[in-house]
C-alpha cells in the first residue's frame, strides 16, 4: 500500500476544516403588518389617482366651490398620508 504524501494530508485536513463564511444577512420577509402597510399604500395610491383624475372633470367643476376645495384638500392630505406610508415601507427594507 502506498503512503499518502504529507502535502495531500495537509490539503485534506484544510478542506475538512473549512467552514464557509456566513452569508450576508438576507432581507427578512415582511411581517403580516408590514404587508398590510404595503397593501394600504397601494390602495391609497389608487384612490389618489382616481381623485386626481376626477378633480379636473366636468362633474367636479359643476360642484359648489366649497366642495371642490374640500376635494383638493382631501387629495393633499391623502398624498401626505401616502408619503408617510412610503417612508415606513422604506424603513422596513433598511431594518
Protein backbone atom coordinates (compact mmCIF):
# COMPACT_ATOMS: atom_id res chain seq x y z
CA UNK A 1 0.00 0.00 0.00
CA UNK A 2 1.32 3.40 -0.97
CA UNK A 3 1.76 6.07 1.65
CA UNK A 4 -0.28 9.30 1.18
CA UNK A 5 2.05 12.23 0.68
CA UNK A 6 2.20 14.64 3.63
CA UNK A 7 1.18 17.57 1.43
CA UNK A 8 -2.01 15.76 0.45
CA UNK A 9 -2.79 15.13 4.12
CA UNK A 10 -2.45 18.86 4.87
CA UNK A 11 -4.72 19.75 1.95
CA UNK A 12 -7.30 17.17 3.05
CA UNK A 13 -7.20 18.47 6.62
CA UNK A 14 -7.63 22.02 5.37
CA UNK A 15 -10.61 21.02 3.22
CA UNK A 16 -12.24 19.16 6.09
CA UNK A 17 -11.66 22.10 8.46
CA UNK A 18 -13.04 24.65 6.01
CA UNK A 19 -16.13 26.47 7.23
CA UNK A 20 -17.68 28.89 4.78
CA UNK A 21 -18.13 32.44 6.00
CA UNK A 22 -21.70 33.27 6.89
CA UNK A 23 -23.51 34.91 4.02
CA UNK A 24 -24.62 38.47 4.31
CA UNK A 25 -27.87 38.81 6.17
CA UNK A 26 -30.71 38.30 3.76
CA UNK A 27 -33.62 40.62 3.92
CA UNK A 28 -36.28 39.11 6.04
CA UNK A 29 -39.67 38.58 4.58
CA UNK A 30 -42.16 41.20 5.59
CA UNK A 31 -44.31 40.53 8.60
CA UNK A 32 -48.08 40.49 8.25
CA UNK A 33 -48.45 44.04 9.50
CA UNK A 34 -45.73 45.26 7.12
CA UNK A 35 -47.50 43.57 4.22
CA UNK A 36 -50.74 45.28 5.28
CA UNK A 37 -48.96 48.65 5.23
CA UNK A 38 -47.76 47.93 1.67
CA UNK A 39 -51.29 46.96 0.62
CA UNK A 40 -52.73 50.05 2.32
CA UNK A 41 -50.23 52.24 0.43
CA UNK A 42 -51.23 50.63 -2.88
CA UNK A 43 -54.96 51.09 -2.19
CA UNK A 44 -54.38 54.69 -1.15
CA UNK A 45 -52.32 55.36 -4.28
CA UNK A 46 -55.17 54.00 -6.42
CA UNK A 47 -57.66 56.28 -4.64
CA UNK A 48 -55.34 59.26 -5.09
CA UNK A 49 -55.10 58.57 -8.82
CA UNK A 50 -58.89 58.37 -9.15
CA UNK A 51 -59.47 61.55 -7.17
CA UNK A 52 -56.73 63.31 -9.10
CA UNK A 53 -58.46 62.33 -12.35
CA UNK A 54 -61.88 63.41 -11.00
CA UNK A 55 -60.90 66.91 -9.87
CA UNK A 56 -60.47 68.43 -13.35
CA UNK A 57 -63.62 66.72 -14.68
CA UNK A 58 -66.84 68.47 -15.72
CA UNK A 59 -68.70 66.77 -12.90
CA UNK A 60 -66.31 68.16 -10.28
CA UNK A 61 -66.35 71.62 -11.85
CA UNK A 62 -70.15 71.53 -11.53
CA UNK A 63 -69.92 71.08 -7.76
CA UNK A 64 -70.08 74.05 -5.39
CA UNK A 65 -66.70 75.71 -4.98
CA UNK A 66 -66.58 74.75 -1.29
CA UNK A 67 -66.86 71.07 -2.23
CA UNK A 68 -64.15 71.44 -4.88
CA UNK A 69 -61.88 72.96 -2.22
CA UNK A 70 -62.63 70.08 0.16
CA UNK A 71 -61.80 67.55 -2.57
CA UNK A 72 -58.48 69.27 -3.26
CA UNK A 73 -57.69 69.35 0.46
CA UNK A 74 -58.61 65.67 0.69
CA UNK A 75 -56.22 64.84 -2.15
CA UNK A 76 -53.46 66.85 -0.48
CA UNK A 77 -53.89 65.00 2.81
CA UNK A 78 -54.14 61.63 1.06
CA UNK A 79 -50.84 62.34 -0.74
CA UNK A 80 -49.20 63.27 2.58
CA UNK A 81 -50.54 60.07 4.13
CA UNK A 82 -49.19 58.06 1.16
CA UNK A 83 -45.78 59.70 1.62
CA UNK A 84 -45.73 58.68 5.28
CA UNK A 85 -46.61 55.11 4.38
CA UNK A 86 -43.85 55.13 1.73
CA UNK A 87 -41.32 56.24 4.38
CA UNK A 88 -42.46 53.45 6.70
CA UNK A 89 -42.11 50.89 3.90
CA UNK A 90 -38.63 52.15 3.06
CA UNK A 91 -37.67 51.69 6.70
CA UNK A 92 -38.87 48.07 6.59
CA UNK A 93 -36.20 47.39 3.97
CA UNK A 94 -33.44 49.08 5.97
CA UNK A 95 -34.05 47.04 9.09
